[in-house]
Each structure stands twice: as structure tokens, then as C-alpha cells.
Amino acid sequence: QLQLVESGGGLVQPGGSLIVSCVASGLRLYYSTIGWFRQVPGKEREGVSCISGGGITKYAGSVKGRFTISRDIAKNTVSLQMNNLKPEDTAIYYCAADPANSATLEEWAYDRWGQGTQVTVSS
């Protein structure tokens, strides 16, 4: 059964770094796109980054150059390295799986979601 479990959220000061990780059980990363999304209460969920089965990566303009997505095939884990964090990066971060491997940041493509992990950027 497909299951996504995030970890690694927390509180960090502006300019700091944080890694969030997603362990994907029940699917093969070679055949699926895994995406990271974030949501602030009262706002729509936003696509942050994704990595396709073939390793193609995409980033939202707001995080490009600061965030890096990567994966460990052996551990079935996708991680998001977040550097130079800003207060506006504060959100709940979710990982999600797109079994059609669309390599897109569009939410409609994803049909499995993790429970989310809170990232707070504040001094």
C-alpha cells in the first residue's frame, strides 16, 4: 500500500537551512514523480518542487536557487534541502506522489499525500 511519510520540519531563523524528507512506501521512485507542496492556512496549496521518475527536477520560481530536491533510490526517499530560508517560506510542507509520472507541479496530478510537516522561519 502506498504511503508517504514526511519528516524534518521545525523552526529555523531567517537565512538558515532545513531539510525535509519523504519516505515513499509501496511505489518505485523510478516510475513516479514525487512533489513537494506547501500550504499556509487560508491560502491555496502551492507546488514547490518535484522530481520525476527519470530524475527531471522542477522548482517554483519563489524557491529556485534556494531549494534543492534529491532522492535516494535505495531508501525510497525524496528530500528537499532548503537554504536561505525566508519568513514567507513558513508553511506546512507536504510530499505527494504522481503515479503517472507527469513531472508537473500541478496539484491535480498527485493522488497520494503525506500528512505534512511544519516549517517555521522566524527570528
C-alpha atoms as a PDB file:
ATOM      1  CA  GLN A   1       0.000   0.000   0.000  1.00  0.00           C
ATOM      2  CA  LEU A   2       1.306   3.415  -0.957  1.00  0.00           C
ATOM      3  CA  GLN A   3       2.251   5.585   1.996  1.00  0.00           C
ATOM      4  CA  LEU A   4       4.165   8.839   2.221  1.00  0.00           C
ATOM      5  CA  VAL A   5       5.703   9.995   5.487  1.00  0.00           C
ATOM      6  CA  GLU A   6       7.397  13.365   5.866  1.00  0.00           C
ATOM      7  CA  SER A   7       9.923  14.337   8.485  1.00  0.00           C
ATOM      8  CA  GLY A   8      12.409  17.075   9.244  1.00  0.00           C
ATOM      9  CA  GLY A   9      10.290  20.161   9.737  1.00  0.00           C
ATOM     10  CA  GLY A  10      10.963  22.606  12.514  1.00  0.00           C
ATOM     11  CA  LEU A  11      11.810  26.143  13.493  1.00  0.00           C
ATOM     12  CA  VAL A  12      14.695  27.948  11.818  1.00  0.00           C
ATOM     13  CA  GLN A  13      15.877  31.547  11.721  1.00  0.00           C
ATOM     14  CA  PRO A  14      15.738  33.593   8.524  1.00  0.00           C
ATOM     15  CA  GLY A  15      18.722  32.775   6.369  1.00  0.00           C
ATOM     16  CA  GLY A  16      19.016  29.329   7.870  1.00  0.00           C
ATOM     17  CA  SER A  17      18.702  25.885   6.323  1.00  0.00           C
ATOM     18  CA  LEU A  18      16.488  22.884   6.825  1.00  0.00           C
ATOM     19  CA  ILE A  19      15.961  19.514   5.162  1.00  0.00           C
ATOM     20  CA  VAL A  20      12.596  17.832   4.901  1.00  0.00           C
ATOM     21  CA  SER A  21      12.390  14.222   3.778  1.00  0.00           C
ATOM     22  CA  CYS A  22       9.687  11.938   2.462  1.00  0.00           C
ATOM     23  CA  VAL A  23       9.813   8.166   2.667  1.00  0.00           C
ATOM     24  CA  ALA A  24       7.625   6.619  -0.005  1.00  0.00           C
ATOM     25  CA  SER A  25       6.446   3.087   0.675  1.00  0.00           C
ATOM     26  CA  GLY A  26       4.659   1.000  -1.905  1.00  0.00           C
ATOM     27  CA  LEU A  27       5.976   2.619  -5.062  1.00  0.00           C
ATOM     28  CA  ARG A  28       9.167   2.779  -7.080  1.00  0.00           C
ATOM     29  CA  LEU A  29      10.731   6.183  -7.455  1.00  0.00           C
ATOM     30  CA  TYR A  30      11.910   5.285 -10.962  1.00  0.00           C
ATOM     31  CA  TYR A  31       8.295   5.267 -12.156  1.00  0.00           C
ATOM     32  CA  SER A  32       6.691   8.094 -10.238  1.00  0.00           C
ATOM     33  CA  THR A  33       7.026  11.808  -9.789  1.00  0.00           C
ATOM     34  CA  ILE A  34       7.331  12.912  -6.189  1.00  0.00           C
ATOM     35  CA  GLY A  35       6.436  16.501  -5.445  1.00  0.00           C
ATOM     36  CA  TRP A  36       6.754  18.864  -2.516  1.00  0.00           C
ATOM     37  CA  PHE A  37       3.924  21.281  -1.862  1.00  0.00           C
ATOM     38  CA  ARG A  38       3.322  23.796   0.892  1.00  0.00           C
ATOM     39  CA  GLN A  39       0.279  25.434   2.360  1.00  0.00           C
ATOM     40  CA  VAL A  40      -0.347  28.337   4.670  1.00  0.00           C
ATOM     41  CA  PRO A  41      -3.710  28.382   6.482  1.00  0.00           C
ATOM     42  CA  GLY A  42      -6.227  30.307   4.445  1.00  0.00           C
ATOM     43  CA  LYS A  43      -4.231  30.062   1.237  1.00  0.00           C
ATOM     44  CA  GLU A  44      -4.117  27.603  -1.627  1.00  0.00           C
ATOM     45  CA  ARG A  45      -1.565  24.839  -1.651  1.00  0.00           C
ATOM     46  CA  GLU A  46       1.499  25.723  -3.722  1.00  0.00           C
ATOM     47  CA  GLY A  47       3.755  23.423  -5.680  1.00  0.00           C
ATOM     48  CA  VAL A  48       7.369  23.882  -4.561  1.00  0.00           C
ATOM     49  CA  SER A  49       9.439  21.248  -6.327  1.00  0.00           C
ATOM     50  CA  CYS A  50       9.200  17.838  -7.915  1.00  0.00           C
ATOM     51  CA  ILE A  51      11.434  15.111  -9.236  1.00  0.00           C
ATOM     52  CA  SER A  52      10.276  12.726 -11.935  1.00  0.00           C
ATOM     53  CA  GLY A  53      11.000   9.050 -12.279  1.00  0.00           C
ATOM     54  CA  GLY A  54      13.713   9.918 -14.773  1.00  0.00           C
ATOM     55  CA  GLY A  55      15.261  12.428 -12.399  1.00  0.00           C
ATOM     56  CA  ILE A  56      13.949  15.612 -14.007  1.00  0.00           C
ATOM     57  CA  THR A  57      13.553  18.333 -11.402  1.00  0.00           C
ATOM     58  CA  LYS A  58      11.327  21.388 -11.332  1.00  0.00           C
ATOM     59  CA  TYR A  59      11.093  24.311  -8.948  1.00  0.00           C
ATOM     60  CA  ALA A  60       8.687  27.105  -8.258  1.00  0.00           C
ATOM     61  CA  GLY A  61      10.139  30.492  -9.094  1.00  0.00           C
ATOM     62  CA  SER A  62       9.953  31.568  -5.464  1.00  0.00           C
ATOM     63  CA  VAL A  63      12.384  28.845  -4.343  1.00  0.00           C
ATOM     64  CA  LYS A  64      14.631  28.410  -7.373  1.00  0.00           C
ATOM     65  CA  GLY A  65      18.260  28.764  -6.408  1.00  0.00           C
ATOM     66  CA  ARG A  66      17.483  28.227  -2.715  1.00  0.00           C
ATOM     67  CA  PHE A  67      15.849  24.789  -2.597  1.00  0.00           C
ATOM     68  CA  THR A  68      17.239  21.530  -3.980  1.00  0.00           C
ATOM     69  CA  ILE A  69      15.272  18.329  -4.400  1.00  0.00           C
ATOM     70  CA  SER A  70      17.047  14.981  -4.424  1.00  0.00           C
ATOM     71  CA  ARG A  71      16.305  11.330  -3.958  1.00  0.00           C
ATOM     72  CA  ASP A  72      17.861   8.184  -2.562  1.00  0.00           C
ATOM     73  CA  ILE A  73      16.543   5.278  -4.596  1.00  0.00           C
ATOM     74  CA  ALA A  74      17.846   2.665  -2.179  1.00  0.00           C
ATOM     75  CA  LYS A  75      15.986   4.289   0.716  1.00  0.00           C
ATOM     76  CA  ASN A  76      12.938   5.261  -1.374  1.00  0.00           C
ATOM     77  CA  THR A  77      13.345   8.755   0.000  1.00  0.00           C
ATOM     78  CA  VAL A  78      12.975  12.183  -1.562  1.00  0.00           C
ATOM     79  CA  SER A  79      14.463  15.135   0.271  1.00  0.00           C
ATOM     80  CA  LEU A  80      14.157  18.885  -0.058  1.00  0.00           C
ATOM     81  CA  GLN A  81      17.173  20.900   1.018  1.00  0.00           C
ATOM     82  CA  MET A  82      16.040  24.410   1.855  1.00  0.00           C
ATOM     83  CA  ASN A  83      18.661  27.147   2.138  1.00  0.00           C
ATOM     84  CA  ASN A  84      18.444  30.871   2.788  1.00  0.00           C
ATOM     85  CA  LEU A  85      15.009  30.410   4.260  1.00  0.00           C
ATOM     86  CA  LYS A  86      12.684  33.376   4.482  1.00  0.00           C
ATOM     87  CA  PRO A  87       9.684  34.031   6.719  1.00  0.00           C
ATOM     88  CA  GLU A  88       7.441  33.621   3.680  1.00  0.00           C
ATOM     89  CA  ASP A  89       8.621  30.003   3.399  1.00  0.00           C
ATOM     90  CA  THR A  90       6.708  29.263   6.605  1.00  0.00           C
ATOM     91  CA  ALA A  91       4.073  26.633   5.815  1.00  0.00           C
ATOM     92  CA  ILE A  92       3.103  23.025   6.200  1.00  0.00           C
ATOM     93  CA  TYR A  93       5.134  21.067   3.678  1.00  0.00           C
ATOM     94  CA  TYR A  94       3.583  18.003   2.059  1.00  0.00           C
ATOM     95  CA  CYS A  95       5.065  15.392  -0.199  1.00  0.00           C
ATOM     96  CA  ALA A  96       2.866  13.770  -2.787  1.00  0.00           C
ATOM     97  CA  ALA A  97       3.087  11.035  -5.404  1.00  0.00           C
ATOM     98  CA  ASP A  98       2.085  11.237  -9.040  1.00  0.00           C
ATOM     99  CA  PRO A  99       1.927   7.649 -10.316  1.00  0.00           C
ATOM    100  CA  ALA A 100       1.517   8.848 -13.906  1.00  0.00           C
ATOM    101  CA  ASN A 101       4.968  10.435 -13.654  1.00  0.00           C
ATOM    102  CA  SER A 102       3.818  13.739 -15.129  1.00  0.00           C
ATOM    103  CA  ALA A 103       6.785  15.757 -13.818  1.00  0.00           C
ATOM    104  CA  THR A 104       4.493  18.634 -13.027  1.00  0.00           C
ATOM    105  CA  LEU A 105       3.925  20.970 -10.098  1.00  0.00           C
ATOM    106  CA  GLU A 106       0.183  20.963 -10.764  1.00  0.00           C
ATOM    107  CA  GLU A 107      -1.681  19.621  -7.761  1.00  0.00           C
ATOM    108  CA  TRP A 108      -4.258  17.732  -9.832  1.00  0.00           C
ATOM    109  CA  ALA A 109      -1.646  15.223 -10.958  1.00  0.00           C
ATOM    110  CA  TYR A 110      -0.986  13.930  -7.437  1.00  0.00           C
ATOM    111  CA  ASP A 111      -3.240  11.383  -5.820  1.00  0.00           C
ATOM    112  CA  ARG A 112      -1.342  10.354  -2.698  1.00  0.00           C
ATOM    113  CA  TRP A 113      -0.326  12.761   0.029  1.00  0.00           C
ATOM    114  CA  GLY A 114       1.629  12.642   3.216  1.00  0.00           C
ATOM    115  CA  GLN A 115       0.435  14.099   6.476  1.00  0.00           C
ATOM    116  CA  GLY A 116       2.654  17.169   6.233  1.00  0.00           C
ATOM    117  CA  THR A 117       5.427  18.654   8.338  1.00  0.00           C
ATOM    118  CA  GLN A 118       5.530  22.189   9.711  1.00  0.00           C
ATOM    119  CA  VAL A 119       8.329  24.523   8.686  1.00  0.00           C
ATOM    120  CA  THR A 120       8.525  27.815  10.540  1.00  0.00           C
ATOM    121  CA  VAL A 121      11.007  30.534   9.636  1.00  0.00           C
ATOM    122  CA  SER A 122      11.172  33.147  12.336  1.00  0.00           C
ATOM    123  CA  SER A 123      13.640  35.041  14.453  1.00  0.00           C
END
